[in-house]
């Protein structure tokens, strides 16, 4: 999942949430997001594109 923060056509910040989520253990994700393990299992495993 990629998140972009932009001003006009210039990209200010690119955040790769999929890499961050897949690189962390479930217990860290549970505490950061405040959700149960079964919800974390439903997080996307492949890249998703979000443009803000």
C-alpha atoms as a PDB file:
ATOM      1  CA  UNK A   1       0.000   0.000   0.000  1.00  0.00           C
ATOM      2  CA  UNK A   2       1.556   3.264  -1.074  1.00  0.00           C
ATOM      3  CA  UNK A   3       0.444   6.562   0.352  1.00  0.00           C
ATOM      4  CA  UNK A   4       1.458   9.786  -1.347  1.00  0.00           C
ATOM      5  CA  UNK A   5       1.307  13.252   0.157  1.00  0.00           C
ATOM      6  CA  UNK A   6       1.538  15.819  -2.601  1.00  0.00           C
ATOM      7  CA  UNK A   7       1.180  19.501  -3.344  1.00  0.00           C
ATOM      8  CA  UNK A   8      -0.088  19.906  -6.888  1.00  0.00           C
ATOM      9  CA  UNK A   9       2.003  17.664  -9.125  1.00  0.00           C
ATOM     10  CA  UNK A  10       5.002  17.483  -6.778  1.00  0.00           C
ATOM     11  CA  UNK A  11       5.144  14.419  -4.492  1.00  0.00           C
ATOM     12  CA  UNK A  12       6.233  15.490  -1.019  1.00  0.00           C
ATOM     13  CA  UNK A  13       6.295  12.117   0.764  1.00  0.00           C
ATOM     14  CA  UNK A  14       5.914   8.476  -0.294  1.00  0.00           C
ATOM     15  CA  UNK A  15       4.950   5.997   2.438  1.00  0.00           C
ATOM     16  CA  UNK A  16       5.075   2.237   1.757  1.00  0.00           C
ATOM     17  CA  UNK A  17       2.640   0.906   4.359  1.00  0.00           C
ATOM     18  CA  UNK A  18       2.666  -2.648   2.972  1.00  0.00           C
ATOM     19  CA  UNK A  19       6.390  -2.981   3.632  1.00  0.00           C
ATOM     20  CA  UNK A  20       6.014  -1.524   7.108  1.00  0.00           C
ATOM     21  CA  UNK A  21       3.097  -3.825   7.993  1.00  0.00           C
ATOM     22  CA  UNK A  22       4.715  -6.975   6.582  1.00  0.00           C
ATOM     23  CA  UNK A  23       8.002  -6.182   8.337  1.00  0.00           C
ATOM     24  CA  UNK A  24       6.528  -6.057  11.844  1.00  0.00           C
ATOM     25  CA  UNK A  25       5.346  -8.867  14.153  1.00  0.00           C
ATOM     26  CA  UNK A  26       1.616  -9.196  14.863  1.00  0.00           C
ATOM     27  CA  UNK A  27       1.967  -8.134  18.515  1.00  0.00           C
ATOM     28  CA  UNK A  28       3.501  -4.803  17.476  1.00  0.00           C
ATOM     29  CA  UNK A  29       0.764  -4.265  14.881  1.00  0.00           C
ATOM     30  CA  UNK A  30      -1.896  -5.153  17.477  1.00  0.00           C
ATOM     31  CA  UNK A  31      -0.571  -2.543  19.892  1.00  0.00           C
ATOM     32  CA  UNK A  32      -0.076   0.146  17.211  1.00  0.00           C
ATOM     33  CA  UNK A  33      -3.487  -0.318  15.575  1.00  0.00           C
ATOM     34  CA  UNK A  34      -5.388  -1.527  18.650  1.00  0.00           C
ATOM     35  CA  UNK A  35      -7.031  -4.423  16.799  1.00  0.00           C
ATOM     36  CA  UNK A  36      -7.209  -8.206  17.174  1.00  0.00           C
ATOM     37  CA  UNK A  37      -4.991 -10.677  15.299  1.00  0.00           C
ATOM     38  CA  UNK A  38      -7.818 -11.772  12.998  1.00  0.00           C
ATOM     39  CA  UNK A  39      -8.147  -8.194  11.721  1.00  0.00           C
ATOM     40  CA  UNK A  40      -4.399  -8.003  11.094  1.00  0.00           C
ATOM     41  CA  UNK A  41      -4.637 -11.235   9.067  1.00  0.00           C
ATOM     42  CA  UNK A  42      -7.025  -9.395   6.709  1.00  0.00           C
ATOM     43  CA  UNK A  43      -4.527  -6.587   5.955  1.00  0.00           C
ATOM     44  CA  UNK A  44      -3.457  -6.563   2.276  1.00  0.00           C
ATOM     45  CA  UNK A  45      -0.409  -8.706   1.535  1.00  0.00           C
ATOM     46  CA  UNK A  46       0.330  -7.055  -1.816  1.00  0.00           C
ATOM     47  CA  UNK A  47       0.884  -3.423  -2.722  1.00  0.00           C
ATOM     48  CA  UNK A  48      -2.193  -1.195  -2.812  1.00  0.00           C
ATOM     49  CA  UNK A  49      -2.157   2.348  -4.187  1.00  0.00           C
ATOM     50  CA  UNK A  50      -3.747   5.253  -2.307  1.00  0.00           C
ATOM     51  CA  UNK A  51      -3.309   8.825  -3.516  1.00  0.00           C
ATOM     52  CA  UNK A  52      -4.213  11.479  -0.956  1.00  0.00           C
END
